[in-house]
Amino acid sequence: MERRYLAKEDRVGRYENNLVRVSFSDGTEIFPLEPRRLFPVNNPDEYITFLDTDGVERCVLRHLSDVDNASRGVILASLDDYYLVPHILAITKVTEKYGTLRWTVSTDRGEKSFDIRNRNHDIRVS
């Protein structure tokens, strides 16, 4: 299957939840799709793939500037939701049971809890 790229005249709209609908200028529509960054760290606005629910790539956006403002907003909202990473503001409680640490922390998204089995491998200090 040949890779299909989005062009300026194509549109991306909300479908449901974190999914989007791509409408091509030739009248073809593909949905539901999940936008994902191909290079999330070094080029977050370049090469965004759109995967169907089976994880198959259906089309690619070369650069966010290649689509109109409304489409760009829909794509960015979907990507922001997918790549959401809460930032820990404070550690409120740490308990240990059977070698597993249970952390309760305050984040910029509210209070969260998570388990760590191996503190030497699971924790990175930056």
Protein backbone atom coordinates (compact mmCIF):
# COMPACT_ATOMS: atom_id res chain seq x y z
CA MET A 1 0.00 0.00 0.00
CA GLU A 2 1.35 3.40 -0.98
CA ARG A 3 1.84 5.93 1.81
CA ARG A 4 -0.71 8.75 1.62
CA TYR A 5 0.26 12.24 2.79
CA LEU A 6 -2.10 14.98 3.94
CA ALA A 7 -2.12 18.17 1.87
CA LYS A 8 -3.22 21.75 2.65
CA GLU A 9 -6.71 21.14 1.22
CA ASP A 10 -7.33 18.05 3.42
CA ARG A 11 -9.11 18.43 6.77
CA VAL A 12 -8.82 16.73 10.15
CA GLY A 13 -11.78 16.80 12.51
CA ARG A 14 -12.73 15.36 15.87
CA TYR A 15 -14.30 11.90 15.80
CA GLU A 16 -14.77 10.77 19.42
CA ASN A 17 -12.62 10.69 22.54
CA ASN A 18 -9.01 11.02 21.37
CA LEU A 19 -9.76 9.86 17.82
CA VAL A 20 -9.92 11.95 14.65
CA ARG A 21 -11.45 11.85 11.15
CA VAL A 22 -9.40 12.71 8.06
CA SER A 23 -11.30 14.13 5.07
CA PHE A 24 -9.28 14.25 1.86
CA SER A 25 -9.99 16.78 -0.89
CA ASP A 26 -11.08 13.94 -3.23
CA GLY A 27 -14.00 13.15 -0.88
CA THR A 28 -12.40 10.14 0.81
CA GLU A 29 -12.83 9.98 4.59
CA ILE A 30 -10.95 7.74 6.98
CA PHE A 31 -11.98 7.31 10.62
CA PRO A 32 -11.47 6.55 13.46
CA LEU A 33 -7.75 7.39 13.49
CA GLU A 34 -5.18 7.98 16.23
CA PRO A 35 -2.49 10.61 15.55
CA ARG A 36 0.99 9.71 16.84
CA ARG A 37 4.32 11.51 16.54
CA LEU A 38 6.96 9.58 14.62
CA PHE A 39 9.74 11.71 16.17
CA PRO A 40 8.22 12.93 19.47
CA VAL A 41 11.43 14.25 21.03
CA ASN A 42 13.44 15.94 18.31
CA ASN A 43 10.73 17.04 15.81
CA PRO A 44 7.33 17.20 17.55
CA ASP A 45 5.64 19.16 14.72
CA GLU A 46 6.95 16.97 11.90
CA TYR A 47 5.84 13.57 10.61
CA ILE A 48 2.66 12.69 12.41
CA THR A 49 1.20 9.32 11.51
CA PHE A 50 -2.51 8.45 11.65
CA LEU A 51 -3.18 4.87 12.74
CA ASP A 52 -6.44 2.96 12.45
CA THR A 53 -7.77 0.95 15.39
CA ASP A 54 -5.64 -2.05 14.27
CA GLY A 55 -2.47 0.07 14.46
CA VAL A 56 -2.08 0.27 10.68
CA GLU A 57 -0.80 3.56 9.28
CA ARG A 58 -3.42 5.12 7.01
CA CYS A 59 -1.79 8.48 6.25
CA VAL A 60 1.00 10.84 7.34
CA LEU A 61 1.23 14.58 7.92
CA ARG A 62 4.70 15.90 7.03
CA HIS A 63 4.41 19.09 9.11
CA LEU A 64 1.67 20.68 11.23
CA SER A 65 1.92 23.83 9.09
CA ASP A 66 0.67 21.76 6.12
CA VAL A 67 -2.94 21.84 7.41
CA ASP A 68 -5.37 24.64 8.29
CA ASN A 69 -5.66 26.09 11.81
CA ALA A 70 -8.80 24.12 12.74
CA SER A 71 -7.20 20.81 11.70
CA ARG A 72 -3.98 21.73 13.51
CA GLY A 73 -5.96 22.39 16.70
CA VAL A 74 -7.71 19.01 16.52
CA ILE A 75 -4.41 17.20 15.93
CA LEU A 76 -2.61 19.02 18.75
CA ALA A 77 -5.46 18.37 21.21
CA SER A 78 -5.37 14.65 20.40
CA LEU A 79 -1.58 14.49 20.68
CA ASP A 80 -1.56 16.47 23.94
CA ASP A 81 -4.04 14.03 25.43
CA TYR A 82 -2.06 10.98 24.29
CA TYR A 83 1.34 12.26 25.42
CA LEU A 84 0.11 13.69 28.74
CA VAL A 85 2.74 13.21 31.44
CA PRO A 86 1.84 14.45 34.94
CA HIS A 87 4.66 16.24 36.79
CA ILE A 88 5.26 15.22 40.41
CA LEU A 89 5.13 18.22 42.72
CA ALA A 90 5.47 16.42 46.07
CA ILE A 91 5.76 12.92 47.50
CA THR A 92 3.08 12.56 50.15
CA LYS A 93 3.51 8.92 51.20
CA VAL A 94 5.70 5.89 50.47
CA THR A 95 4.89 2.43 51.85
CA GLU A 96 6.53 -0.93 51.25
CA LYS A 97 4.81 -4.30 51.09
CA TYR A 98 6.47 -7.53 49.90
CA GLY A 99 9.33 -5.55 48.33
CA THR A 100 7.04 -3.28 46.30
CA LEU A 101 7.02 0.44 47.01
CA ARG A 102 3.64 2.20 46.81
CA TRP A 103 4.09 5.93 46.16
CA THR A 104 1.35 8.49 46.69
CA VAL A 105 2.27 11.78 45.08
CA SER A 106 0.80 15.19 44.38
CA THR A 107 1.01 16.09 40.67
CA ASP A 108 -0.06 18.99 38.48
CA ARG A 109 -3.01 16.70 37.60
CA GLY A 110 -4.03 15.82 41.16
CA GLU A 111 -3.08 13.07 43.60
CA LYS A 112 -1.82 9.83 42.03
CA SER A 113 -0.51 6.48 43.30
CA PHE A 114 1.82 4.02 41.60
CA ASP A 115 3.93 0.98 42.45
CA ILE A 116 7.66 0.46 41.94
CA ARG A 117 9.10 -3.03 42.19
CA ASN A 118 12.81 -2.29 41.79
CA ARG A 119 14.02 1.12 42.90
CA ASN A 120 17.41 0.60 41.20
CA HIS A 121 15.89 0.04 37.75
CA ASP A 122 12.53 1.81 37.89
CA ILE A 123 13.62 5.24 39.17
CA ARG A 124 15.65 7.71 37.13
CA VAL A 125 16.78 10.98 38.63
CA SER A 126 17.08 13.92 36.27
